[in-house]
């Protein structure tokens, strides 16, 4: 059975560290602690005294001063790992933790999970090819030597880099090492850790290289594991659930996140807010519990993204400067059918094709598989279609040899609607207003990843009002945009009332419009 040695790097809050160590070792697991040498000696003494009689806790034999982004964090990890390997010969896995991490599964679940997955869990993506680094320097992390800390000596840090650039001191990466990058919260098997130490004993040049890279805790272990272990034995993900804001700051978890955390497909979570006393208490009791069943829905990240996005009202609607002259054409008419229930709009479009010769394309900016002609690759992906939307529409007008074209859009695509409505062409907008039952909204939550098959009913009940309000909010934003050629049909209106709007929107005789309004099962789910 798996036995885990937790590797804990910490520098504050001795009471929390003691509690964390006692909770994680109470069921037979281990912990090796490195307490920052620059932190309070009194705090370290308190921790040592409290855990002195715990045979499942050891301390790094050598302590060093640590700084964010520096090699010192990797060196401290190596010291703690070395002690753990020596002190805990029965440990099968080594799991990197911080003081802000807490278990969101029981030890029973964690041991069974690791027994069933004979691999190393470590994010490792190609440093140069991946987009893992979102902001700041990238290649310069490796190709220049970093002797100063960017956070504490910003002027010296950037001055040193600029001087090296000026003097042409760019260095080569070891030729047999393909640098990887990923989260520092990994879980490695014993044989992998032993292989790392064996490699480092023979290859001092690897240590010399990484010692002067910037933020090596995101590259060192990630690179060495990929160098030593077959790809089939690496699961390139972390077992610690963490999220970041758009500004690169860690998301904190609070008391009301307990059920959400337990439903994620991870063993730990960070960061737990210092103020979340109740959450810490409940999670602290969880690890030693037995017979707990977990319903994994794993919707945490998509749900967070959805809820945060709701607050983003201010967006850029102005035309990009390079699109100033990319009008669809003054004589052309683009008709946008907007509906949250895609199947309703598709039924209407299908009936339109039968009743008229107006070309119509379904959700081309939302569905990758929308049938489109070959336009030289511009239609190949959703990103390309959106990025080159005006060029794409011009080509579609030309392909169909028409001055009138119908497309479908989701109400969330307000930026696209605003862009097309600002064009010199005539743009018409038809909004289809549908009724939404709870069952439909639950299905919608599953389709867009806000809920999984095992999402608890209680979570769904809390989520439904938010989704319903979001749909209303999207609809209101479209109405508030003040489009000059705006029409609306409603599920609650009569066929005659909807036919009036359809005749106006499509420029059709009333009888033809009524055929559209009376499309069989138009609004049925």
Protein backbone atom coordinates (compact mmCIF):
# COMPACT_ATOMS: atom_id res chain seq x y z
CA UNK A 1 0.00 0.00 0.00
CA UNK A 2 1.17 3.52 -0.78
CA UNK A 3 2.75 5.50 2.05
CA UNK A 4 3.36 9.18 1.44
CA UNK A 5 6.21 11.32 2.71
CA UNK A 6 5.08 14.93 2.55
CA UNK A 7 7.79 17.49 1.80
CA UNK A 8 6.88 20.73 3.54
CA UNK A 9 8.69 24.03 2.95
CA UNK A 10 7.54 26.68 5.41
CA UNK A 11 8.61 29.88 7.14
CA UNK A 12 5.81 31.00 9.50
CA UNK A 13 2.80 30.05 11.61
CA UNK A 14 4.31 27.30 13.81
CA UNK A 15 0.95 26.29 15.30
CA UNK A 16 -0.50 25.63 11.84
CA UNK A 17 2.60 23.64 10.84
CA UNK A 18 2.37 21.49 13.95
CA UNK A 19 -1.30 20.86 13.33
CA UNK A 20 -0.70 20.03 9.67
CA UNK A 21 2.08 17.57 10.54
CA UNK A 22 -0.01 15.83 13.20
CA UNK A 23 -3.03 15.52 10.91
CA UNK A 24 -1.10 14.08 7.95
CA UNK A 25 1.00 11.62 10.01
CA UNK A 26 -1.81 10.36 12.26
CA UNK A 27 -2.71 7.58 9.79
CA UNK A 28 0.86 6.39 9.14
CA UNK A 29 2.14 8.82 6.52
CA UNK A 30 5.32 10.85 6.97
CA UNK A 31 6.51 14.44 6.80
CA UNK A 32 9.90 16.06 6.24
CA UNK A 33 10.04 19.75 7.15
CA UNK A 34 12.36 22.48 5.96
CA UNK A 35 11.81 25.64 8.00
CA UNK A 36 13.36 28.71 6.40
CA UNK A 37 16.59 29.66 8.15
CA UNK A 38 15.75 33.36 7.83
CA UNK A 39 12.53 32.85 9.83
CA UNK A 40 12.17 33.13 13.61
CA UNK A 41 14.47 30.74 15.56
CA UNK A 42 11.87 30.71 18.35
CA UNK A 43 9.20 29.47 15.91
CA UNK A 44 11.49 26.69 14.69
CA UNK A 45 12.25 25.64 18.25
CA UNK A 46 8.51 25.51 18.99
CA UNK A 47 7.91 23.22 16.01
CA UNK A 48 10.81 20.92 16.87
CA UNK A 49 9.72 20.59 20.48
CA UNK A 50 6.07 19.88 19.62
CA UNK A 51 6.95 17.19 17.06
CA UNK A 52 10.00 15.69 18.77
CA UNK A 53 8.10 12.55 19.87
CA UNK A 54 6.45 11.97 16.50
CA UNK A 55 8.44 9.20 14.76
CA UNK A 56 6.81 10.04 11.40
CA UNK A 57 8.21 13.57 11.29
CA UNK A 58 11.78 14.53 10.44
CA UNK A 59 13.54 17.80 9.68
CA UNK A 60 15.94 18.73 6.89
CA UNK A 61 19.43 18.20 8.24
CA UNK A 62 20.55 21.44 6.63
CA UNK A 63 18.47 24.61 6.65
CA UNK A 64 19.05 27.52 4.27
CA UNK A 65 17.61 30.98 3.72
CA UNK A 66 14.99 30.91 0.99
CA UNK A 67 13.87 33.54 -1.49
CA UNK A 68 11.00 33.46 -3.96
CA UNK A 69 12.17 32.66 -7.49
CA UNK A 70 15.62 31.57 -6.33
CA UNK A 71 17.56 28.30 -6.45
CA UNK A 72 17.32 28.25 -2.65
CA UNK A 73 13.76 26.86 -2.87
CA UNK A 74 14.99 23.90 -4.93
CA UNK A 75 17.96 23.38 -2.63
CA UNK A 76 15.68 23.41 0.42
CA UNK A 77 13.45 20.84 -1.27
CA UNK A 78 16.45 18.62 -1.98
CA UNK A 79 17.54 18.85 1.66
CA UNK A 80 14.05 17.85 2.86
CA UNK A 81 13.85 15.04 0.29
CA UNK A 82 17.25 13.69 1.31
CA UNK A 83 16.19 13.49 4.96
CA UNK A 84 12.89 11.85 4.01
CA UNK A 85 14.58 9.16 1.91
CA UNK A 86 16.96 8.35 4.74
CA UNK A 87 14.45 8.49 7.61
CA UNK A 88 11.43 6.85 5.95
CA UNK A 89 12.51 3.75 3.99
CA UNK A 90 8.88 2.60 3.72
CA UNK A 91 7.72 5.77 1.95
CA UNK A 92 6.61 4.98 -1.59
CA UNK A 93 5.74 8.54 -2.72
CA UNK A 94 7.01 12.03 -1.99
CA UNK A 95 4.44 14.83 -2.17
CA UNK A 96 5.43 18.51 -2.28
CA UNK A 97 3.35 20.75 0.02
CA UNK A 98 3.24 24.25 1.43
CA UNK A 99 1.71 25.49 4.65
CA UNK A 100 -1.24 26.81 2.64
CA UNK A 101 -2.19 23.31 1.42
CA UNK A 102 -4.80 21.04 2.98
CA UNK A 103 -6.05 17.58 2.10
CA UNK A 104 -9.42 17.43 0.32
CA UNK A 105 -9.54 13.63 0.31
CA UNK A 106 -9.04 11.03 3.02
CA UNK A 107 -5.75 9.17 3.45
CA UNK A 108 -7.67 6.02 2.53
CA UNK A 109 -8.69 7.57 -0.81
CA UNK A 110 -5.20 9.02 -1.47
CA UNK A 111 -3.43 5.70 -0.82
CA UNK A 112 -5.85 3.79 -3.05
CA UNK A 113 -5.51 6.42 -5.77
CA UNK A 114 -1.71 6.18 -5.81
CA UNK A 115 -1.85 2.36 -5.71
CA UNK A 116 -4.03 2.42 -8.83
CA UNK A 117 -1.83 4.90 -10.72
CA UNK A 118 1.78 3.75 -11.01
CA UNK A 119 3.19 7.02 -12.32
CA UNK A 120 4.69 10.36 -11.34
CA UNK A 121 2.33 13.31 -11.10
CA UNK A 122 4.18 16.41 -12.24
CA UNK A 123 3.25 19.14 -14.68
CA UNK A 124 5.94 19.14 -17.37
CA UNK A 125 5.40 21.09 -20.57
CA UNK A 126 8.01 22.08 -23.12
CA UNK A 127 9.51 25.34 -21.87
CA UNK A 128 9.81 26.95 -25.30
CA UNK A 129 6.82 25.48 -27.15
CA UNK A 130 4.11 25.73 -24.46
CA UNK A 131 2.28 28.86 -23.34
CA UNK A 132 2.56 27.97 -19.64
CA UNK A 133 4.25 31.33 -18.88
CA UNK A 134 1.57 33.98 -19.33
CA UNK A 135 3.50 37.17 -18.41
CA UNK A 136 7.04 38.36 -17.80
CA UNK A 137 10.33 37.05 -19.10
CA UNK A 138 10.48 33.60 -20.65
CA UNK A 139 13.63 32.56 -22.52
CA UNK A 140 15.68 34.97 -20.39
CA UNK A 141 14.89 32.85 -17.32
CA UNK A 142 17.34 30.28 -18.69
CA UNK A 143 19.71 31.96 -21.12
CA UNK A 144 21.02 34.61 -18.71
CA UNK A 145 22.47 34.14 -15.23
CA UNK A 146 20.42 35.51 -12.34
CA UNK A 147 22.31 36.51 -9.22
CA UNK A 148 19.78 38.90 -7.68
CA UNK A 149 16.19 38.55 -6.52
CA UNK A 150 13.65 40.39 -8.67
CA UNK A 151 11.37 41.06 -5.68
CA UNK A 152 13.98 42.39 -3.28
CA UNK A 153 16.54 43.89 -5.68
CA UNK A 154 14.55 44.86 -8.76
CA UNK A 155 17.08 47.40 -10.04
CA UNK A 156 20.03 45.01 -9.71
CA UNK A 157 18.00 42.11 -11.15
CA UNK A 158 17.09 43.89 -14.38
CA UNK A 159 20.36 45.78 -14.50
CA UNK A 160 22.26 42.49 -14.44
CA UNK A 161 20.11 41.01 -17.21
CA UNK A 162 20.46 44.11 -19.40
CA UNK A 163 24.22 44.18 -18.89
CA UNK A 164 24.52 40.52 -19.96
CA UNK A 165 22.45 41.28 -23.06
CA UNK A 166 24.67 44.25 -23.89
CA UNK A 167 27.84 42.19 -23.47
CA UNK A 168 26.46 39.22 -25.39
CA UNK A 169 26.72 36.84 -22.44
CA UNK A 170 23.82 34.65 -23.49
CA UNK A 171 24.55 31.05 -22.48
CA UNK A 172 23.69 27.65 -23.91
CA UNK A 173 21.34 25.19 -22.24
CA UNK A 174 22.90 21.74 -21.59
CA UNK A 175 22.55 19.97 -24.93
CA UNK A 176 21.06 16.74 -23.58
CA UNK A 177 18.43 18.46 -21.41
CA UNK A 178 15.06 19.50 -22.80
CA UNK A 179 13.80 22.03 -20.28
CA UNK A 180 10.24 21.54 -19.06
CA UNK A 181 8.03 23.82 -17.00
CA UNK A 182 5.05 23.33 -14.70
CA UNK A 183 3.65 23.62 -11.21
CA UNK A 184 6.01 22.99 -8.31
CA UNK A 185 3.34 20.91 -6.51
CA UNK A 186 4.27 17.41 -7.60
CA UNK A 187 4.00 13.83 -6.30
CA UNK A 188 6.89 11.54 -7.26
CA UNK A 189 7.51 7.83 -6.73
CA UNK A 190 10.44 6.73 -4.59
CA UNK A 191 12.42 5.28 -7.48
CA UNK A 192 12.06 8.55 -9.39
CA UNK A 193 13.39 10.61 -6.49
CA UNK A 194 16.29 8.19 -6.00
CA UNK A 195 17.07 8.43 -9.75
CA UNK A 196 17.15 12.22 -9.46
CA UNK A 197 19.70 12.11 -6.64
CA UNK A 198 21.76 9.55 -8.55
CA UNK A 199 21.78 11.78 -11.65
CA UNK A 200 22.75 14.85 -9.64
CA UNK A 201 25.67 13.01 -8.03
CA UNK A 202 27.05 12.41 -11.53
CA UNK A 203 26.01 15.61 -13.29
CA UNK A 204 27.12 18.64 -11.30
CA UNK A 205 26.74 20.70 -14.47
CA UNK A 206 22.94 20.37 -14.19
CA UNK A 207 23.00 21.90 -10.73
CA UNK A 208 25.37 24.67 -11.87
CA UNK A 209 23.02 25.54 -14.71
CA UNK A 210 19.80 25.65 -12.68
CA UNK A 211 21.46 27.48 -9.77
CA UNK A 212 21.46 30.70 -11.80
CA UNK A 213 18.12 30.31 -13.61
CA UNK A 214 15.11 32.34 -12.53
CA UNK A 215 12.23 30.53 -10.74
CA UNK A 216 13.88 27.09 -11.02
CA UNK A 217 11.26 25.42 -8.80
CA UNK A 218 9.01 25.54 -11.91
CA UNK A 219 11.62 23.87 -14.15
CA UNK A 220 14.13 21.76 -12.17
CA UNK A 221 12.14 18.69 -11.09
CA UNK A 222 9.84 19.01 -14.09
CA UNK A 223 12.84 18.71 -16.43
CA UNK A 224 14.65 15.93 -14.59
CA UNK A 225 11.58 13.71 -14.26
CA UNK A 226 10.93 14.00 -18.00
CA UNK A 227 14.65 13.22 -18.61
CA UNK A 228 14.64 10.10 -16.42
CA UNK A 229 11.15 8.61 -16.63
CA UNK A 230 9.34 7.21 -19.71
CA UNK A 231 6.51 9.44 -20.86
CA UNK A 232 4.01 6.62 -20.31
CA UNK A 233 4.80 6.78 -16.57
CA UNK A 234 4.23 10.55 -16.23
CA UNK A 235 0.83 12.12 -15.66
CA UNK A 236 1.49 15.75 -16.54
CA UNK A 237 -0.74 17.31 -13.91
CA UNK A 238 -0.61 18.26 -10.28
CA UNK A 239 -2.66 16.52 -7.60
CA UNK A 240 -3.03 19.84 -5.79
CA UNK A 241 -6.08 21.88 -6.79
CA UNK A 242 -5.15 25.53 -7.27
CA UNK A 243 -6.45 28.37 -9.39
CA UNK A 244 -5.15 31.80 -10.38
CA UNK A 245 -6.91 35.05 -11.15
CA UNK A 246 -6.40 36.86 -14.46
CA UNK A 247 -3.72 38.88 -12.66
CA UNK A 248 -1.69 35.78 -11.73
CA UNK A 249 -2.66 35.81 -8.06
CA UNK A 250 -3.65 32.55 -6.29
CA UNK A 251 -7.36 32.13 -5.58
CA UNK A 252 -8.12 31.68 -1.88
CA UNK A 253 -10.70 29.18 -0.60
CA UNK A 254 -13.12 30.00 2.20
CA UNK A 255 -15.59 28.27 4.52
CA UNK A 256 -18.33 27.85 1.92
CA UNK A 257 -16.01 26.05 -0.51
CA UNK A 258 -15.94 22.75 1.43
CA UNK A 259 -18.30 20.77 -0.83
CA UNK A 260 -16.76 22.26 -3.97
CA UNK A 261 -13.25 21.21 -2.91
CA UNK A 262 -14.24 17.64 -2.05
CA UNK A 263 -15.81 17.15 -5.48
CA UNK A 264 -12.58 18.02 -7.36
CA UNK A 265 -10.34 15.32 -8.84
CA UNK A 266 -7.38 16.27 -6.65
CA UNK A 267 -5.91 15.16 -3.31
CA UNK A 268 -5.00 18.59 -1.89
CA UNK A 269 -5.98 22.22 -2.40
CA UNK A 270 -4.23 25.56 -1.97
CA UNK A 271 -4.51 28.31 -0.92
CA UNK A 272 -6.77 27.93 2.08
CA UNK A 273 -7.50 31.40 3.46
CA UNK A 274 -6.07 32.07 6.95
CA UNK A 275 -9.54 33.33 7.88
CA UNK A 276 -11.31 30.12 6.84
CA UNK A 277 -11.29 28.64 10.34
CA UNK A 278 -14.31 26.39 9.82
CA UNK A 279 -12.97 25.09 6.50
CA UNK A 280 -9.60 24.27 8.08
CA UNK A 281 -11.32 22.47 10.94
CA UNK A 282 -13.48 20.34 8.63
CA UNK A 283 -10.63 19.51 6.25
CA UNK A 284 -8.35 18.73 9.18
CA UNK A 285 -10.74 16.04 10.37
CA UNK A 286 -11.21 14.65 6.88
CA UNK A 287 -7.79 13.09 6.23
CA UNK A 288 -8.04 10.47 8.99
CA UNK A 289 -11.68 9.59 8.27
CA UNK A 290 -12.62 6.19 6.85
CA UNK A 291 -15.33 5.01 4.51
CA UNK A 292 -15.96 8.46 3.00
CA UNK A 293 -17.43 8.42 -0.50
CA UNK A 294 -16.48 11.22 -2.88
CA UNK A 295 -18.65 12.31 -5.82
CA UNK A 296 -16.11 13.69 -8.30
CA UNK A 297 -17.62 16.35 -10.58
CA UNK A 298 -14.44 18.41 -11.13
CA UNK A 299 -16.22 21.58 -12.24
CA UNK A 300 -14.22 23.91 -9.98
CA UNK A 301 -12.13 25.77 -12.57
CA UNK A 302 -14.90 26.18 -15.16
CA UNK A 303 -17.33 27.29 -12.44
CA UNK A 304 -14.86 29.85 -11.09
CA UNK A 305 -14.20 31.19 -14.58
CA UNK A 306 -17.95 31.45 -15.22
CA UNK A 307 -18.70 33.30 -11.99
CA UNK A 308 -15.75 35.70 -12.35
CA UNK A 309 -16.61 36.45 -15.97
CA UNK A 310 -20.07 37.65 -14.94
CA UNK A 311 -18.50 40.69 -13.32
CA UNK A 312 -16.59 41.74 -16.45
CA UNK A 313 -18.91 44.36 -17.95
CA UNK A 314 -16.33 46.69 -19.47
CA UNK A 315 -15.04 45.28 -22.75
CA UNK A 316 -13.41 46.69 -25.85
CA UNK A 317 -16.06 47.08 -28.54
CA UNK A 318 -14.21 49.52 -30.80
CA UNK A 319 -12.85 48.33 -34.12
CA UNK A 320 -9.17 47.45 -34.14
CA UNK A 321 -7.06 49.93 -36.09
CA UNK A 322 -6.12 47.33 -38.72
CA UNK A 323 -9.84 46.61 -39.30
CA UNK A 324 -10.81 50.22 -40.07
CA UNK A 325 -11.05 49.54 -43.79
CA UNK A 326 -12.24 45.94 -43.55
CA UNK A 327 -15.96 46.62 -43.95
CA UNK A 328 -18.27 43.83 -45.07
CA UNK A 329 -19.49 46.17 -47.80
CA UNK A 330 -21.93 49.07 -47.68
CA UNK A 331 -24.46 47.28 -49.93
CA UNK A 332 -24.45 44.04 -47.95
CA UNK A 333 -26.89 42.92 -45.28
CA UNK A 334 -25.86 40.65 -42.42
CA UNK A 335 -28.71 39.13 -40.39
CA UNK A 336 -27.75 37.76 -36.97
CA UNK A 337 -30.12 35.31 -35.25
CA UNK A 338 -29.34 35.30 -31.52
CA UNK A 339 -30.59 32.44 -29.34
CA UNK A 340 -29.32 30.70 -26.21
CA UNK A 341 -31.09 27.49 -27.18
CA UNK A 342 -29.07 26.62 -30.26
CA UNK A 343 -31.49 23.92 -31.41
CA UNK A 344 -34.31 26.49 -31.62
CA UNK A 345 -32.29 28.78 -33.92
CA UNK A 346 -31.19 25.79 -36.01
CA UNK A 347 -34.82 24.71 -36.54
CA UNK A 348 -35.72 28.21 -37.64
CA UNK A 349 -32.76 28.34 -40.02
CA UNK A 350 -33.66 24.94 -41.49
CA UNK A 351 -37.19 26.17 -42.21
CA UNK A 352 -35.74 29.39 -43.67
CA UNK A 353 -33.68 27.34 -46.14
CA UNK A 354 -36.82 25.46 -47.23
CA UNK A 355 -38.91 28.61 -47.64
CA UNK A 356 -36.37 31.04 -49.14
CA UNK A 357 -33.08 31.16 -51.04
CA UNK A 358 -31.31 33.27 -48.37
CA UNK A 359 -27.96 31.62 -47.46
CA UNK A 360 -27.80 30.78 -43.76
CA UNK A 361 -24.98 29.46 -41.57
CA UNK A 362 -25.47 28.17 -38.05
CA UNK A 363 -23.22 28.85 -35.04
CA UNK A 364 -19.97 29.28 -36.98
CA UNK A 365 -18.28 31.29 -34.18
CA UNK A 366 -19.24 28.75 -31.52
CA UNK A 367 -19.20 25.26 -33.10
CA UNK A 368 -15.96 24.00 -34.62
CA UNK A 369 -17.87 21.52 -36.79
CA UNK A 370 -20.18 24.03 -38.48
CA UNK A 371 -20.22 23.13 -42.22
CA UNK A 372 -18.24 25.81 -44.07
CA UNK A 373 -16.65 25.98 -47.52
CA UNK A 374 -12.87 25.81 -47.85
CA UNK A 375 -11.75 29.42 -47.67
CA UNK A 376 -8.00 28.87 -47.60
CA UNK A 377 -7.73 27.99 -43.91
CA UNK A 378 -9.33 31.08 -42.39
CA UNK A 379 -12.30 28.88 -41.42
CA UNK A 380 -10.15 26.14 -39.87
CA UNK A 381 -10.63 26.96 -36.17
CA UNK A 382 -12.87 29.00 -33.90
CA UNK A 383 -9.95 31.23 -32.95
CA UNK A 384 -9.20 32.04 -36.60
CA UNK A 385 -12.85 32.66 -37.41
CA UNK A 386 -13.22 35.06 -34.50
CA UNK A 387 -9.89 36.82 -35.03
CA UNK A 388 -10.53 37.37 -38.76
CA UNK A 389 -14.30 37.65 -38.52
CA UNK A 390 -14.78 40.48 -41.02
CA UNK A 391 -12.53 38.91 -43.62
CA UNK A 392 -14.34 35.60 -43.08
CA UNK A 393 -17.77 37.19 -43.58
CA UNK A 394 -16.63 39.01 -46.73
CA UNK A 395 -15.41 35.72 -48.17
CA UNK A 396 -18.70 34.01 -47.29
CA UNK A 397 -20.70 36.76 -49.00
CA UNK A 398 -18.53 36.25 -52.07
CA UNK A 399 -18.69 32.44 -51.90
CA UNK A 400 -22.51 32.45 -51.83
CA UNK A 401 -22.58 35.28 -54.40
CA UNK A 402 -25.10 37.19 -52.31
CA UNK A 403 -25.62 40.51 -50.59
CA UNK A 404 -27.80 38.94 -47.85
CA UNK A 405 -26.50 36.38 -45.35
CA UNK A 406 -27.90 34.89 -42.12
CA UNK A 407 -25.73 33.61 -39.25
CA UNK A 408 -26.51 32.37 -35.72
CA UNK A 409 -24.84 33.57 -32.53
CA UNK A 410 -24.99 32.83 -28.83
CA UNK A 411 -26.12 35.80 -26.69
CA UNK A 412 -22.74 35.73 -24.92
CA UNK A 413 -21.03 36.89 -28.13
CA UNK A 414 -21.85 40.56 -27.55
CA UNK A 415 -18.41 41.70 -28.69
CA UNK A 416 -18.97 40.09 -32.10
CA UNK A 417 -22.46 41.60 -32.36
CA UNK A 418 -21.16 45.04 -31.47
CA UNK A 419 -18.37 44.74 -34.01
CA UNK A 420 -20.70 43.76 -36.85
CA UNK A 421 -23.27 46.41 -35.86
CA UNK A 422 -20.54 49.06 -36.09
CA UNK A 423 -19.81 48.08 -39.70
CA UNK A 424 -20.86 50.18 -42.73
CA UNK A 425 -22.96 47.28 -43.98
CA UNK A 426 -26.57 46.86 -42.81
CA UNK A 427 -26.64 44.58 -39.77
CA UNK A 428 -29.91 43.22 -38.42
CA UNK A 429 -30.30 41.42 -35.09
CA UNK A 430 -33.11 38.97 -34.26
CA UNK A 431 -33.27 37.86 -30.65
CA UNK A 432 -35.18 34.64 -29.90
CA UNK A 433 -36.44 34.68 -26.32
CA UNK A 434 -37.09 31.20 -24.89
CA UNK A 435 -38.38 29.86 -21.60
CA UNK A 436 -35.90 27.90 -19.49
CA UNK A 437 -36.95 25.06 -17.20
CA UNK A 438 -34.73 23.88 -14.34
CA UNK A 439 -34.13 20.60 -16.21
CA UNK A 440 -32.89 22.49 -19.26
CA UNK A 441 -30.58 24.67 -17.15
CA UNK A 442 -29.14 21.59 -15.45
CA UNK A 443 -28.45 20.08 -18.87
CA UNK A 444 -26.87 23.38 -19.95
CA UNK A 445 -24.61 23.34 -16.87
CA UNK A 446 -23.44 19.85 -17.82
CA UNK A 447 -22.85 20.78 -21.47
CA UNK A 448 -20.68 23.80 -20.68
CA UNK A 449 -18.71 22.13 -17.88
CA UNK A 450 -20.23 23.96 -14.91
CA UNK A 451 -21.42 20.65 -13.47
CA UNK A 452 -20.52 17.00 -13.83
CA UNK A 453 -22.47 13.77 -13.64
CA UNK A 454 -21.82 13.56 -9.91
CA UNK A 455 -22.30 17.19 -8.98
CA UNK A 456 -24.40 17.17 -5.75
CA UNK A 457 -28.01 18.31 -6.05
CA UNK A 458 -27.36 20.96 -3.41
CA UNK A 459 -24.64 22.50 -5.59
CA UNK A 460 -26.95 22.48 -8.60
CA UNK A 461 -29.73 24.17 -6.64
CA UNK A 462 -27.34 26.98 -5.67
CA UNK A 463 -26.04 27.24 -9.23
CA UNK A 464 -29.36 27.39 -11.13
CA UNK A 465 -30.39 30.92 -10.04
CA UNK A 466 -26.95 32.19 -11.10
CA UNK A 467 -27.21 30.58 -14.55
CA UNK A 468 -30.77 31.85 -15.00
CA UNK A 469 -29.74 35.38 -13.99
CA UNK A 470 -26.77 35.17 -16.35
CA UNK A 471 -29.06 34.33 -19.28
CA UNK A 472 -31.31 37.27 -18.40
CA UNK A 473 -28.24 39.49 -18.07
CA UNK A 474 -26.98 38.50 -21.54
CA UNK A 475 -30.40 39.20 -23.03
CA UNK A 476 -30.63 42.60 -21.33
CA UNK A 477 -27.19 43.59 -22.59
CA UNK A 478 -28.26 42.95 -26.18
CA UNK A 479 -31.40 45.06 -25.75
CA UNK A 480 -29.44 47.81 -24.02
CA UNK A 481 -26.97 47.96 -26.92
CA UNK A 482 -29.53 49.95 -28.91
CA UNK A 483 -29.05 48.25 -32.28
CA UNK A 484 -30.87 50.18 -35.01
CA UNK A 485 -32.29 47.08 -36.75
CA UNK A 486 -33.39 44.98 -33.77
CA UNK A 487 -36.27 42.48 -33.70
CA UNK A 488 -37.43 39.91 -31.15
CA UNK A 489 -39.64 36.84 -31.15
CA UNK A 490 -40.78 35.11 -27.97
CA UNK A 491 -41.85 31.61 -27.09
CA UNK A 492 -44.80 33.15 -25.21
CA UNK A 493 -46.02 35.23 -28.18
CA UNK A 494 -48.50 34.06 -30.80
CA UNK A 495 -47.44 32.85 -34.25
CA UNK A 496 -48.95 36.02 -35.75
CA UNK A 497 -46.98 38.30 -33.44
CA UNK A 498 -43.75 36.43 -34.18
CA UNK A 499 -44.52 36.42 -37.92
CA UNK A 500 -44.68 40.24 -37.89
CA UNK A 501 -41.18 40.38 -36.40
CA UNK A 502 -39.81 37.71 -38.77
CA UNK A 503 -41.26 39.48 -41.82
CA UNK A 504 -39.59 42.71 -40.71
CA UNK A 505 -36.26 41.02 -39.94
CA UNK A 506 -35.90 38.82 -43.04
CA UNK A 507 -37.77 41.18 -45.39
CA UNK A 508 -40.30 38.44 -46.25
CA UNK A 509 -44.01 38.42 -47.12
CA UNK A 510 -46.19 37.86 -44.06
CA UNK A 511 -47.35 34.41 -45.22
CA UNK A 512 -43.77 33.17 -45.64
CA UNK A 513 -42.84 34.62 -42.27
CA UNK A 514 -45.82 32.88 -40.70
CA UNK A 515 -44.56 29.55 -42.09
CA UNK A 516 -41.32 30.21 -40.19
CA UNK A 517 -43.19 31.17 -37.02
CA UNK A 518 -45.23 27.96 -37.25
CA UNK A 519 -42.19 25.71 -37.66
CA UNK A 520 -43.18 22.41 -35.97
CA UNK A 521 -41.77 22.07 -32.46
CA UNK A 522 -39.79 25.29 -32.92
CA UNK A 523 -39.39 25.94 -29.18
CA UNK A 524 -39.52 22.33 -27.96
CA UNK A 525 -36.61 21.02 -25.89
